[in-house]
Amino acid sequence: MDNRTLKDLLYEQVARVGKALASPKRLEMLEMLAQGEKSVDAVASAVAVDIKLASAHLKALKEARLVQSRRDGKRMLYRLSGQDVAQLGVTLRQVAEEHLLELRLALQQMMAEPERLAKVGRKELLAQAKRGEVVVLDVRPSEEYDTAHLPYARSMPLTELAHRLSELPRDVEIVAYCRGPFCLMSDEAVALLKKRGFRARKTFDGVSEWQAAGLPVTRP
């Protein structure tokens, strides 16, 4: 094999990953699977496609070795092939944000109310949570919290939040988070908490962003 053929082969293999990522739905699926193992049904429901299309997308991701699968009875379960895949998703989004004006404008719309955003950095938020000066609230489904969550975070899924407000203190600020910058569950949580008289903000970070920054997460 000559050098040119070898180089073409090497780049072709790397391009397999790029091709697998060239779909908005597949990127969203990777973000979902970064929260933990999920069935095809759950992935399809989360990204708003039918099961047949979800299976096709997951097959493409599997062929690129980005996800793995296992059978559990009649269900097929998928998970990321490694933490580096979650890191890849974070890096790809950061590069896109740096260079794509359209993405920055869209994110600015999400930040139209800057008073909703936590004003401290990650390390300071961690320190405040450790000291009990803030309550970090994980509003993802409980099974995602059980897979991994931010240190000192309390699980209160968005679907349960309205019925569990009595469990939250009113004398400290609450900082909500969910799956990352594109996740809107934390926005809904903050809106509800503020409406009920709590001091609440959100952070764009999810578990993947926290790990990408080299900070610890809590796992079972």
N, C-alpha and C. Protein backbone atom coordinates (compact mmCIF):
# COMPACT_ATOMS: atom_id res chain seq x y z
N MET A 1 0.85 -1.20 0.00
CA MET A 1 0.00 0.00 0.00
C MET A 1 0.89 1.25 0.00
N ASP A 2 0.70 2.14 -0.99
CA ASP A 2 1.52 3.35 -1.04
C ASP A 2 1.01 4.37 -0.03
N ASN A 3 1.81 5.43 0.16
CA ASN A 3 1.49 6.43 1.18
C ASN A 3 0.16 7.13 0.93
N ARG A 4 -0.13 7.44 -0.36
CA ARG A 4 -1.37 8.13 -0.67
C ARG A 4 -2.59 7.27 -0.34
N THR A 5 -2.51 6.01 -0.68
CA THR A 5 -3.61 5.10 -0.39
C THR A 5 -3.81 4.95 1.11
N LEU A 6 -2.68 4.87 1.83
CA LEU A 6 -2.77 4.75 3.28
C LEU A 6 -3.41 5.98 3.90
N LYS A 7 -3.01 7.18 3.46
CA LYS A 7 -3.60 8.41 4.01
C LYS A 7 -5.09 8.48 3.70
N ASP A 8 -5.47 8.10 2.48
CA ASP A 8 -6.89 8.11 2.13
C ASP A 8 -7.68 7.17 3.04
N LEU A 9 -7.11 6.03 3.34
CA LEU A 9 -7.77 5.06 4.21
C LEU A 9 -7.93 5.61 5.62
N LEU A 10 -6.89 6.26 6.14
CA LEU A 10 -6.94 6.81 7.48
C LEU A 10 -8.01 7.89 7.60
N TYR A 11 -8.03 8.81 6.65
CA TYR A 11 -9.02 9.88 6.70
C TYR A 11 -10.44 9.34 6.48
N GLU A 12 -10.55 8.32 5.67
CA GLU A 12 -11.86 7.71 5.44
C GLU A 12 -12.43 7.14 6.73
N GLN A 13 -11.58 6.52 7.55
CA GLN A 13 -12.06 5.96 8.80
C GLN A 13 -12.50 7.06 9.77
N VAL A 14 -11.75 8.15 9.85
CA VAL A 14 -12.15 9.27 10.71
C VAL A 14 -13.45 9.87 10.19
N ALA A 15 -13.59 9.92 8.85
CA ALA A 15 -14.80 10.51 8.26
C ALA A 15 -16.04 9.71 8.61
N ARG A 16 -15.89 8.44 8.97
CA ARG A 16 -17.05 7.64 9.38
C ARG A 16 -17.75 8.28 10.58
N VAL A 17 -16.95 8.81 11.49
CA VAL A 17 -17.53 9.48 12.66
C VAL A 17 -18.24 10.76 12.23
N GLY A 18 -17.58 11.53 11.35
CA GLY A 18 -18.20 12.76 10.88
C GLY A 18 -19.52 12.51 10.18
N LYS A 19 -19.58 11.48 9.35
CA LYS A 19 -20.82 11.15 8.66
C LYS A 19 -21.93 10.77 9.64
N ALA A 20 -21.56 10.03 10.67
CA ALA A 20 -22.56 9.62 11.66
C ALA A 20 -23.11 10.81 12.43
N LEU A 21 -22.29 11.85 12.58
CA LEU A 21 -22.72 13.03 13.34
C LEU A 21 -23.48 14.04 12.49
N ALA A 22 -23.54 13.81 11.17
CA ALA A 22 -24.13 14.79 10.26
C ALA A 22 -25.65 14.70 10.23
N SER A 23 -26.26 14.73 11.39
CA SER A 23 -27.72 14.67 11.51
C SER A 23 -28.12 15.31 12.84
N PRO A 24 -29.00 16.30 12.82
CA PRO A 24 -29.44 16.91 14.08
C PRO A 24 -30.05 15.89 15.04
N LYS A 25 -30.82 14.96 14.51
CA LYS A 25 -31.47 13.98 15.39
C LYS A 25 -30.44 13.05 16.03
N ARG A 26 -29.39 12.69 15.30
CA ARG A 26 -28.37 11.82 15.89
C ARG A 26 -27.59 12.55 16.97
N LEU A 27 -27.34 13.83 16.76
CA LEU A 27 -26.66 14.61 17.80
C LEU A 27 -27.52 14.67 19.06
N GLU A 28 -28.81 14.85 18.88
CA GLU A 28 -29.71 14.88 20.04
C GLU A 28 -29.76 13.52 20.72
N MET A 29 -29.71 12.46 19.93
CA MET A 29 -29.70 11.12 20.51
C MET A 29 -28.45 10.89 21.35
N LEU A 30 -27.32 11.37 20.86
CA LEU A 30 -26.09 11.22 21.64
C LEU A 30 -26.19 11.98 22.96
N GLU A 31 -26.81 13.16 22.93
CA GLU A 31 -27.00 13.91 24.17
C GLU A 31 -27.90 13.14 25.13
N MET A 32 -28.94 12.51 24.58
CA MET A 32 -29.83 11.70 25.42
C MET A 32 -29.08 10.52 26.02
N LEU A 33 -28.29 9.83 25.21
CA LEU A 33 -27.58 8.65 25.70
C LEU A 33 -26.43 9.02 26.64
N ALA A 34 -25.98 10.27 26.57
CA ALA A 34 -24.98 10.73 27.54
C ALA A 34 -25.56 10.77 28.95
N GLN A 35 -26.90 10.76 29.06
CA GLN A 35 -27.55 10.76 30.36
C GLN A 35 -27.68 9.34 30.93
N GLY A 36 -27.44 8.32 30.07
CA GLY A 36 -27.55 6.95 30.53
C GLY A 36 -28.18 6.06 29.47
N GLU A 37 -28.15 4.78 29.70
CA GLU A 37 -28.67 3.79 28.76
C GLU A 37 -30.18 3.97 28.58
N LYS A 38 -30.64 3.85 27.31
CA LYS A 38 -32.06 4.04 27.03
C LYS A 38 -32.52 3.07 25.95
N SER A 39 -33.80 2.74 25.99
CA SER A 39 -34.40 1.88 24.98
C SER A 39 -34.65 2.67 23.70
N VAL A 40 -34.87 1.95 22.61
CA VAL A 40 -35.19 2.61 21.35
C VAL A 40 -36.46 3.43 21.50
N ASP A 41 -37.45 2.89 22.20
CA ASP A 41 -38.71 3.61 22.41
C ASP A 41 -38.47 4.93 23.12
N ALA A 42 -37.66 4.90 24.16
CA ALA A 42 -37.40 6.10 24.94
C ALA A 42 -36.67 7.14 24.11
N VAL A 43 -35.69 6.71 23.32
CA VAL A 43 -34.94 7.63 22.47
C VAL A 43 -35.87 8.24 21.42
N ALA A 44 -36.69 7.40 20.79
CA ALA A 44 -37.62 7.89 19.78
C ALA A 44 -38.56 8.95 20.34
N SER A 45 -39.11 8.67 21.52
CA SER A 45 -40.02 9.62 22.15
C SER A 45 -39.32 10.92 22.50
N ALA A 46 -38.10 10.83 23.00
CA ALA A 46 -37.37 12.02 23.44
C ALA A 46 -37.03 12.95 22.29
N VAL A 47 -36.71 12.39 21.13
CA VAL A 47 -36.29 13.23 20.00
C VAL A 47 -37.41 13.41 18.97
N ALA A 48 -38.60 12.92 19.29
CA ALA A 48 -39.81 13.15 18.47
C ALA A 48 -39.70 12.57 17.06
N VAL A 49 -39.30 11.30 16.97
CA VAL A 49 -39.35 10.56 15.71
C VAL A 49 -40.01 9.22 15.98
N ASP A 50 -40.41 8.53 14.90
CA ASP A 50 -41.01 7.22 15.11
C ASP A 50 -39.92 6.18 15.38
N ILE A 51 -40.33 5.04 15.87
CA ILE A 51 -39.37 4.01 16.29
C ILE A 51 -38.53 3.51 15.12
N LYS A 52 -39.14 3.38 13.95
CA LYS A 52 -38.39 2.90 12.78
C LYS A 52 -37.26 3.85 12.42
N LEU A 53 -37.54 5.15 12.43
CA LEU A 53 -36.51 6.13 12.10
C LEU A 53 -35.45 6.20 13.20
N ALA A 54 -35.89 6.11 14.46
CA ALA A 54 -34.94 6.10 15.57
C ALA A 54 -33.99 4.92 15.45
N SER A 55 -34.51 3.76 15.11
CA SER A 55 -33.68 2.57 14.95
C SER A 55 -32.64 2.76 13.85
N ALA A 56 -33.05 3.41 12.75
CA ALA A 56 -32.13 3.66 11.65
C ALA A 56 -31.01 4.60 12.08
N HIS A 57 -31.37 5.66 12.81
CA HIS A 57 -30.34 6.59 13.30
C HIS A 57 -29.38 5.89 14.26
N LEU A 58 -29.92 5.10 15.16
CA LEU A 58 -29.09 4.40 16.13
C LEU A 58 -28.18 3.38 15.44
N LYS A 59 -28.68 2.77 14.38
CA LYS A 59 -27.85 1.83 13.61
C LYS A 59 -26.66 2.56 13.01
N ALA A 60 -26.89 3.77 12.47
CA ALA A 60 -25.79 4.55 11.89
C ALA A 60 -24.76 4.92 12.94
N LEU A 61 -25.23 5.28 14.13
CA LEU A 61 -24.32 5.61 15.22
C LEU A 61 -23.54 4.39 15.67
N LYS A 62 -24.20 3.25 15.66
CA LYS A 62 -23.53 2.01 16.06
C LYS A 62 -22.48 1.60 15.04
N GLU A 63 -22.77 1.77 13.76
CA GLU A 63 -21.81 1.42 12.72
C GLU A 63 -20.56 2.27 12.80
N ALA A 64 -20.70 3.49 13.32
CA ALA A 64 -19.55 4.36 13.53
C ALA A 64 -18.90 4.12 14.89
N ARG A 65 -19.38 3.12 15.62
CA ARG A 65 -18.85 2.73 16.93
C ARG A 65 -19.01 3.82 17.99
N LEU A 66 -20.02 4.67 17.80
CA LEU A 66 -20.28 5.72 18.79
C LEU A 66 -21.22 5.24 19.89
N VAL A 67 -22.03 4.23 19.58
CA VAL A 67 -22.92 3.65 20.58
C VAL A 67 -22.80 2.14 20.55
N GLN A 68 -23.23 1.53 21.64
CA GLN A 68 -23.29 0.09 21.75
C GLN A 68 -24.71 -0.30 22.13
N SER A 69 -25.06 -1.55 21.91
CA SER A 69 -26.41 -1.99 22.23
C SER A 69 -26.37 -3.35 22.93
N ARG A 70 -27.45 -3.63 23.62
CA ARG A 70 -27.64 -4.95 24.23
C ARG A 70 -29.13 -5.23 24.27
N ARG A 71 -29.47 -6.50 24.26
CA ARG A 71 -30.88 -6.88 24.29
C ARG A 71 -31.31 -7.18 25.73
N ASP A 72 -32.46 -6.66 26.11
CA ASP A 72 -33.04 -6.92 27.42
C ASP A 72 -34.46 -7.43 27.19
N GLY A 73 -34.59 -8.76 27.09
CA GLY A 73 -35.88 -9.32 26.73
C GLY A 73 -36.23 -8.94 25.31
N LYS A 74 -37.37 -8.29 25.12
CA LYS A 74 -37.77 -7.86 23.79
C LYS A 74 -37.25 -6.47 23.44
N ARG A 75 -36.64 -5.80 24.41
CA ARG A 75 -36.17 -4.44 24.18
C ARG A 75 -34.71 -4.42 23.78
N MET A 76 -34.36 -3.45 22.93
CA MET A 76 -32.97 -3.19 22.59
C MET A 76 -32.55 -1.90 23.29
N LEU A 77 -31.50 -1.99 24.10
CA LEU A 77 -31.03 -0.84 24.85
C LEU A 77 -29.72 -0.32 24.25
N TYR A 78 -29.60 0.99 24.23
CA TYR A 78 -28.41 1.64 23.67
C TYR A 78 -27.71 2.49 24.72
N ARG A 79 -26.40 2.59 24.59
CA ARG A 79 -25.58 3.44 25.46
C ARG A 79 -24.40 3.96 24.65
N LEU A 80 -23.76 5.02 25.13
CA LEU A 80 -22.56 5.52 24.47
C LEU A 80 -21.43 4.51 24.58
N SER A 81 -20.56 4.50 23.59
CA SER A 81 -19.44 3.56 23.61
C SER A 81 -18.38 3.97 24.63
N GLY A 82 -18.40 5.23 25.05
CA GLY A 82 -17.44 5.68 26.04
C GLY A 82 -17.69 7.13 26.40
N GLN A 83 -17.08 7.57 27.49
CA GLN A 83 -17.25 8.95 27.92
C GLN A 83 -16.67 9.92 26.90
N ASP A 84 -15.70 9.45 26.10
CA ASP A 84 -15.12 10.33 25.09
C ASP A 84 -16.15 10.73 24.03
N VAL A 85 -17.20 9.93 23.84
CA VAL A 85 -18.25 10.29 22.90
C VAL A 85 -19.05 11.47 23.43
N ALA A 86 -19.33 11.46 24.72
CA ALA A 86 -20.00 12.62 25.34
C ALA A 86 -19.12 13.85 25.24
N GLN A 87 -17.82 13.69 25.46
CA GLN A 87 -16.87 14.79 25.33
C GLN A 87 -16.88 15.34 23.90
N LEU A 88 -16.95 14.44 22.92
CA LEU A 88 -17.00 14.85 21.52
C LEU A 88 -18.21 15.73 21.25
N GLY A 89 -19.35 15.35 21.83
CA GLY A 89 -20.55 16.15 21.65
C GLY A 89 -20.41 17.55 22.21
N VAL A 90 -19.79 17.66 23.38
CA VAL A 90 -19.57 18.97 24.00
C VAL A 90 -18.62 19.80 23.15
N THR A 91 -17.53 19.19 22.69
CA THR A 91 -16.54 19.91 21.89
C THR A 91 -17.15 20.38 20.57
N LEU A 92 -17.93 19.52 19.93
CA LEU A 92 -18.57 19.89 18.67
C LEU A 92 -19.50 21.08 18.86
N ARG A 93 -20.26 21.07 19.93
CA ARG A 93 -21.17 22.18 20.19
C ARG A 93 -20.40 23.47 20.49
N GLN A 94 -19.30 23.37 21.22
CA GLN A 94 -18.49 24.54 21.54
C GLN A 94 -17.88 25.15 20.29
N VAL A 95 -17.38 24.31 19.39
CA VAL A 95 -16.82 24.80 18.13
C VAL A 95 -17.89 25.48 17.30
N ALA A 96 -19.08 24.87 17.24
CA ALA A 96 -20.18 25.44 16.47
C ALA A 96 -20.58 26.81 17.06
N GLU A 97 -20.63 26.89 18.36
CA GLU A 97 -20.98 28.16 19.00
C GLU A 97 -19.95 29.24 18.72
N GLU A 98 -18.69 28.85 18.67
CA GLU A 98 -17.61 29.81 18.43
C GLU A 98 -17.65 30.36 17.00
N HIS A 99 -18.06 29.55 16.05
CA HIS A 99 -17.91 29.94 14.64
C HIS A 99 -19.22 30.18 13.90
N LEU A 100 -20.35 29.79 14.46
CA LEU A 100 -21.62 29.95 13.76
C LEU A 100 -22.46 31.05 14.41
N LEU A 101 -22.64 32.15 13.71
CA LEU A 101 -23.42 33.26 14.23
C LEU A 101 -24.85 32.84 14.51
N GLU A 102 -25.40 31.98 13.63
CA GLU A 102 -26.79 31.55 13.80
C GLU A 102 -27.00 30.84 15.14
N LEU A 103 -26.03 30.04 15.53
CA LEU A 103 -26.14 29.32 16.81
C LEU A 103 -26.03 30.30 17.97
N ARG A 104 -25.11 31.26 17.86
CA ARG A 104 -24.97 32.24 18.95
C ARG A 104 -26.25 33.05 19.11
N LEU A 105 -26.88 33.42 18.00
CA LEU A 105 -28.13 34.18 18.09
C LEU A 105 -29.24 33.35 18.73
N ALA A 106 -29.28 32.07 18.38
CA ALA A 106 -30.29 31.20 18.97
C ALA A 106 -30.08 31.06 20.47
N LEU A 107 -28.82 30.92 20.88
CA LEU A 107 -28.52 30.82 22.31
C LEU A 107 -28.83 32.12 23.04
N GLN A 108 -28.63 33.25 22.37
CA GLN A 108 -28.96 34.53 22.98
C GLN A 108 -30.45 34.64 23.24
N GLN A 109 -31.25 34.06 22.36
CA GLN A 109 -32.69 34.04 22.59
C GLN A 109 -33.03 33.24 23.84
N MET A 110 -32.28 32.15 24.06
CA MET A 110 -32.49 31.36 25.27
C MET A 110 -32.08 32.13 26.50
N MET A 111 -31.17 33.09 26.33
CA MET A 111 -30.69 33.87 27.47
C MET A 111 -31.33 35.25 27.50
N ALA A 112 -32.53 35.35 26.93
CA ALA A 112 -33.21 36.63 26.86
C ALA A 112 -33.49 37.22 28.23
N GLU A 113 -33.53 36.36 29.24
CA GLU A 113 -33.72 36.82 30.62
C GLU A 113 -32.48 36.43 31.42
N PRO A 114 -31.42 37.24 31.33
CA PRO A 114 -30.15 36.87 31.98
C PRO A 114 -30.24 36.70 33.49
N GLU A 115 -31.26 37.28 34.10
CA GLU A 115 -31.41 37.12 35.54
C GLU A 115 -31.76 35.69 35.91
N ARG A 116 -32.12 34.88 34.92
CA ARG A 116 -32.42 33.47 35.19
C ARG A 116 -31.16 32.61 35.26
N LEU A 117 -30.02 33.15 34.84
CA LEU A 117 -28.80 32.35 34.79
C LEU A 117 -28.00 32.50 36.08
N ALA A 118 -27.43 31.40 36.54
CA ALA A 118 -26.56 31.44 37.71
C ALA A 118 -25.35 32.32 37.39
N LYS A 119 -24.98 33.17 38.31
CA LYS A 119 -23.93 34.15 38.05
C LYS A 119 -22.56 33.71 38.53
N VAL A 120 -22.43 32.50 39.02
CA VAL A 120 -21.15 32.02 39.53
C VAL A 120 -20.61 30.95 38.60
N GLY A 121 -19.29 30.75 38.65
CA GLY A 121 -18.67 29.72 37.85
C GLY A 121 -18.91 28.34 38.44
N ARG A 122 -18.42 27.34 37.72
CA ARG A 122 -18.67 25.96 38.12
C ARG A 122 -18.06 25.65 39.49
N LYS A 123 -16.81 26.02 39.69
CA LYS A 123 -16.15 25.68 40.95
C LYS A 123 -16.80 26.39 42.13
N GLU A 124 -17.21 27.64 41.92
CA GLU A 124 -17.86 28.37 43.00
C GLU A 124 -19.24 27.79 43.29
N LEU A 125 -19.94 27.38 42.24
CA LEU A 125 -21.24 26.74 42.45
C LEU A 125 -21.08 25.45 43.24
N LEU A 126 -20.04 24.69 42.92
CA LEU A 126 -19.76 23.47 43.66
C LEU A 126 -19.49 23.77 45.13
N ALA A 127 -18.69 24.81 45.37
CA ALA A 127 -18.36 25.18 46.75
C ALA A 127 -19.60 25.66 47.50
N GLN A 128 -20.44 26.44 46.85
CA GLN A 128 -21.66 26.93 47.49
C GLN A 128 -22.60 25.78 47.82
N ALA A 129 -22.71 24.83 46.90
CA ALA A 129 -23.58 23.67 47.14
C ALA A 129 -23.05 22.85 48.32
N LYS A 130 -21.74 22.70 48.40
CA LYS A 130 -21.14 21.95 49.50
C LYS A 130 -21.41 22.62 50.84
N ARG A 131 -21.39 23.95 50.84
CA ARG A 131 -21.64 24.70 52.08
C ARG A 131 -23.13 24.86 52.38
N GLY A 132 -23.98 24.43 51.47
CA GLY A 132 -25.42 24.56 51.68
C GLY A 132 -25.96 25.94 51.40
N GLU A 133 -25.18 26.74 50.66
CA GLU A 133 -25.61 28.12 50.36
C GLU A 133 -26.55 28.16 49.15
N VAL A 134 -26.55 27.13 48.35
CA VAL A 134 -27.50 26.98 47.25
C VAL A 134 -27.97 25.53 47.22
N VAL A 135 -29.13 25.32 46.63
CA VAL A 135 -29.61 23.97 46.35
C VAL A 135 -29.49 23.74 44.85
N VAL A 136 -28.66 22.79 44.46
CA VAL A 136 -28.54 22.42 43.05
C VAL A 136 -29.61 21.37 42.76
N LEU A 137 -30.47 21.69 41.81
CA LEU A 137 -31.65 20.85 41.55
C LEU A 137 -31.53 20.20 40.18
N ASP A 138 -31.53 18.88 40.17
CA ASP A 138 -31.48 18.10 38.94
C ASP A 138 -32.92 17.78 38.54
N VAL A 139 -33.37 18.36 37.42
CA VAL A 139 -34.78 18.20 37.03
C VAL A 139 -34.95 17.18 35.90
N ARG A 140 -33.91 16.40 35.63
CA ARG A 140 -34.03 15.31 34.66
C ARG A 140 -34.81 14.15 35.27
N PRO A 141 -35.22 13.18 34.45
CA PRO A 141 -35.85 11.97 35.01
C PRO A 141 -34.93 11.31 36.03
N SER A 142 -35.50 10.66 37.01
CA SER A 142 -34.73 10.11 38.12
C SER A 142 -33.70 9.08 37.68
N GLU A 143 -34.00 8.30 36.62
CA GLU A 143 -33.04 7.30 36.18
C GLU A 143 -31.77 7.95 35.62
N GLU A 144 -31.89 9.14 35.06
CA GLU A 144 -30.71 9.85 34.57
C GLU A 144 -29.89 10.38 35.75
N TYR A 145 -30.58 10.88 36.75
CA TYR A 145 -29.89 11.31 37.98
C TYR A 145 -29.15 10.14 38.60
N ASP A 146 -29.77 8.97 38.61
CA ASP A 146 -29.14 7.80 39.22
C ASP A 146 -27.90 7.34 38.46
N THR A 147 -27.84 7.64 37.17
CA THR A 147 -26.67 7.27 36.37
C THR A 147 -25.48 8.14 36.72
N ALA A 148 -25.69 9.43 36.78
CA ALA A 148 -24.64 10.39 37.16
C ALA A 148 -25.28 11.75 37.35
N HIS A 149 -24.77 12.50 38.32
CA HIS A 149 -25.31 13.83 38.57
C HIS A 149 -24.23 14.74 39.15
N LEU A 150 -24.51 16.02 39.17
CA LEU A 150 -23.57 16.98 39.74
C LEU A 150 -23.46 16.75 41.24
N PRO A 151 -22.28 16.94 41.82
CA PRO A 151 -22.11 16.74 43.25
C PRO A 151 -23.09 17.60 44.06
N TYR A 152 -23.64 17.02 45.10
CA TYR A 152 -24.55 17.67 46.05
C TYR A 152 -25.90 18.01 45.43
N ALA A 153 -26.14 17.57 44.19
CA ALA A 153 -27.43 17.88 43.55
C ALA A 153 -28.54 17.04 44.15
N ARG A 154 -29.73 17.61 44.15
CA ARG A 154 -30.92 16.93 44.63
C ARG A 154 -31.81 16.60 43.43
N SER A 155 -32.32 15.38 43.37
CA SER A 155 -33.17 14.98 42.26
C SER A 155 -34.61 15.40 42.50
N MET A 156 -35.15 16.12 41.53
CA MET A 156 -36.57 16.48 41.55
C MET A 156 -37.02 16.65 40.11
N PRO A 157 -37.42 15.54 39.45
CA PRO A 157 -37.80 15.60 38.04
C PRO A 157 -38.84 16.68 37.77
N LEU A 158 -38.75 17.29 36.62
CA LEU A 158 -39.67 18.36 36.27
C LEU A 158 -41.12 17.92 36.39
N THR A 159 -41.40 16.68 36.04
CA THR A 159 -42.77 16.18 36.09
C THR A 159 -43.31 16.08 37.52
N GLU A 160 -42.41 16.09 38.51
CA GLU A 160 -42.82 15.98 39.91
C GLU A 160 -42.69 17.29 40.67
N LEU A 161 -42.04 18.27 40.05
CA LEU A 161 -41.65 19.48 40.77
C LEU A 161 -42.81 20.20 41.43
N ALA A 162 -43.89 20.39 40.69
CA ALA A 162 -45.02 21.17 41.22
C ALA A 162 -45.62 20.53 42.47
N HIS A 163 -45.49 19.21 42.61
CA HIS A 163 -46.08 18.51 43.75
C HIS A 163 -45.10 18.33 44.90
N ARG A 164 -43.84 18.76 44.71
CA ARG A 164 -42.83 18.53 45.75
C ARG A 164 -42.17 19.82 46.23
N LEU A 165 -42.82 20.94 45.96
CA LEU A 165 -42.22 22.22 46.34
C LEU A 165 -42.01 22.35 47.84
N SER A 166 -42.82 21.66 48.61
CA SER A 166 -42.68 21.75 50.07
C SER A 166 -41.36 21.16 50.56
N GLU A 167 -40.69 20.37 49.72
CA GLU A 167 -39.41 19.77 50.09
C GLU A 167 -38.24 20.74 49.91
N LEU A 168 -38.50 21.88 49.29
CA LEU A 168 -37.43 22.82 48.98
C LEU A 168 -37.39 23.97 49.99
N PRO A 169 -36.19 24.39 50.37
CA PRO A 169 -36.08 25.52 51.30
C PRO A 169 -36.35 26.84 50.59
N ARG A 170 -36.87 27.79 51.32
CA ARG A 170 -37.15 29.10 50.74
C ARG A 170 -36.13 30.15 51.14
N ASP A 171 -35.17 29.74 51.97
CA ASP A 171 -34.20 30.73 52.45
C ASP A 171 -32.86 30.67 51.71
N VAL A 172 -32.74 29.80 50.70
CA VAL A 172 -31.52 29.76 49.89
C VAL A 172 -31.92 29.72 48.42
N GLU A 173 -31.00 30.13 47.57
CA GLU A 173 -31.27 30.13 46.14
C GLU A 173 -31.21 28.71 45.58
N ILE A 174 -32.03 28.46 44.58
CA ILE A 174 -32.07 27.17 43.91
C ILE A 174 -31.50 27.34 42.50
N VAL A 175 -30.57 26.47 42.13
CA VAL A 175 -29.98 26.47 40.80
C VAL A 175 -30.35 25.16 40.11
N ALA A 176 -31.15 25.26 39.06
CA ALA A 176 -31.63 24.07 38.35
C ALA A 176 -30.75 23.77 37.15
N TYR A 177 -30.64 22.48 36.83
CA TYR A 177 -29.93 22.08 35.61
C TYR A 177 -30.61 20.85 35.03
N CYS A 178 -30.32 20.59 33.74
CA CYS A 178 -30.86 19.38 33.12
C CYS A 178 -29.80 18.72 32.25
N ARG A 179 -29.99 18.63 30.94
CA ARG A 179 -29.09 17.82 30.11
C ARG A 179 -28.01 18.62 29.40
N GLY A 180 -28.00 19.92 29.56
CA GLY A 180 -27.00 20.73 28.88
C GLY A 180 -27.61 21.99 28.31
N PRO A 181 -26.83 22.76 27.53
CA PRO A 181 -27.28 24.07 27.06
C PRO A 181 -28.54 24.06 26.22
N PHE A 182 -28.81 22.97 25.49
CA PHE A 182 -29.98 22.94 24.61
C PHE A 182 -31.22 22.38 25.30
N CYS A 183 -31.09 21.99 26.54
CA CYS A 183 -32.21 21.40 27.28
C CYS A 183 -33.04 22.52 27.91
N LEU A 184 -34.35 22.42 27.80
CA LEU A 184 -35.23 23.48 28.28
C LEU A 184 -35.98 23.12 29.56
N MET A 185 -35.74 21.92 30.08
CA MET A 185 -36.45 21.54 31.31
C MET A 185 -36.09 22.46 32.47
N SER A 186 -34.84 22.90 32.53
CA SER A 186 -34.43 23.79 33.62
C SER A 186 -35.11 25.15 33.50
N ASP A 187 -35.36 25.61 32.27
CA ASP A 187 -36.09 26.87 32.09
C ASP A 187 -37.50 26.76 32.66
N GLU A 188 -38.16 25.65 32.36
CA GLU A 188 -39.51 25.43 32.88
C GLU A 188 -39.49 25.36 34.40
N ALA A 189 -38.47 24.71 34.94
CA ALA A 189 -38.37 24.59 36.39
C ALA A 189 -38.19 25.95 37.05
N VAL A 190 -37.30 26.77 36.48
CA VAL A 190 -37.06 28.10 37.05
C VAL A 190 -38.32 28.95 36.98
N ALA A 191 -39.03 28.89 35.86
CA ALA A 191 -40.27 29.67 35.73
C ALA A 191 -41.28 29.26 36.79
N LEU A 192 -41.42 27.97 37.02
CA LEU A 192 -42.36 27.48 38.03
C LEU A 192 -41.93 27.91 39.43
N LEU A 193 -40.65 27.75 39.73
CA LEU A 193 -40.16 28.10 41.06
C LEU A 193 -40.33 29.59 41.34
N LYS A 194 -40.02 30.43 40.37
CA LYS A 194 -40.17 31.87 40.57
C LYS A 194 -41.64 32.23 40.77
N LYS A 195 -42.49 31.57 40.02
CA LYS A 195 -43.93 31.84 40.15
C LYS A 195 -44.42 31.49 41.54
N ARG A 196 -43.81 30.50 42.15
CA ARG A 196 -44.21 30.08 43.50
C ARG A 196 -43.42 30.77 44.60
N GLY A 197 -42.64 31.78 44.24
CA GLY A 197 -41.99 32.60 45.25
C GLY A 197 -40.59 32.18 45.65
N PHE A 198 -39.98 31.24 44.95
CA PHE A 198 -38.62 30.81 45.25
C PHE A 198 -37.61 31.70 44.51
N ARG A 199 -36.43 31.80 45.07
CA ARG A 199 -35.30 32.41 44.37
C ARG A 199 -34.63 31.32 43.55
N ALA A 200 -34.71 31.43 42.24
CA ALA A 200 -34.24 30.33 41.40
C ALA A 200 -33.54 30.86 40.16
N ARG A 201 -32.51 30.14 39.76
CA ARG A 201 -31.79 30.39 38.51
C ARG A 201 -31.48 29.05 37.87
N LYS A 202 -30.85 29.08 36.71
CA LYS A 202 -30.46 27.85 36.02
C LYS A 202 -28.99 27.94 35.64
N THR A 203 -28.40 26.80 35.38
CA THR A 203 -27.08 26.74 34.76
C THR A 203 -27.21 25.96 33.46
N PHE A 204 -26.47 26.38 32.44
CA PHE A 204 -26.49 25.68 31.16
C PHE A 204 -25.81 24.32 31.24
N ASP A 205 -25.02 24.12 32.25
CA ASP A 205 -24.25 22.88 32.35
C ASP A 205 -25.12 21.67 32.59
N GLY A 206 -24.70 20.55 32.01
CA GLY A 206 -25.21 19.24 32.36
C GLY A 206 -24.03 18.40 32.82
N VAL A 207 -24.26 17.13 33.01
CA VAL A 207 -23.18 16.23 33.45
C VAL A 207 -22.03 16.21 32.45
N SER A 208 -22.33 16.18 31.16
CA SER A 208 -21.27 16.11 30.14
C SER A 208 -20.39 17.35 30.17
N GLU A 209 -21.02 18.53 30.32
CA GLU A 209 -20.24 19.77 30.37
C GLU A 209 -19.38 19.81 31.62
N TRP A 210 -19.92 19.32 32.71
CA TRP A 210 -19.18 19.28 33.98
C TRP A 210 -17.94 18.40 33.84
N GLN A 211 -18.12 17.24 33.23
CA GLN A 211 -16.99 16.32 33.05
C GLN A 211 -15.98 16.88 32.06
N ALA A 212 -16.48 17.52 31.00
CA ALA A 212 -15.58 18.10 30.00
C ALA A 212 -14.69 19.18 30.61
N ALA A 213 -15.19 19.84 31.66
CA ALA A 213 -14.42 20.87 32.35
C ALA A 213 -13.47 20.27 33.38
N GLY A 214 -13.45 18.95 33.50
CA GLY A 214 -12.54 18.30 34.44
C GLY A 214 -13.04 18.29 35.88
N LEU A 215 -14.34 18.51 36.07
CA LEU A 215 -14.91 18.53 37.41
C LEU A 215 -15.57 17.18 37.72
N PRO A 216 -15.67 16.85 38.99
CA PRO A 216 -16.21 15.53 39.36
C PRO A 216 -17.73 15.47 39.20
N VAL A 217 -18.23 14.27 38.98
CA VAL A 217 -19.66 14.01 39.05
C VAL A 217 -19.86 12.84 40.02
N THR A 218 -21.07 12.70 40.48
CA THR A 218 -21.38 11.63 41.43
C THR A 218 -22.06 10.50 40.68
N ARG A 219 -21.55 9.29 40.87
CA ARG A 219 -22.12 8.08 40.25
C ARG A 219 -22.45 7.08 41.36
N PRO A 220 -23.39 6.18 41.07
CA PRO A 220 -23.71 5.17 42.09
C PRO A 220 -22.54 4.25 42.35
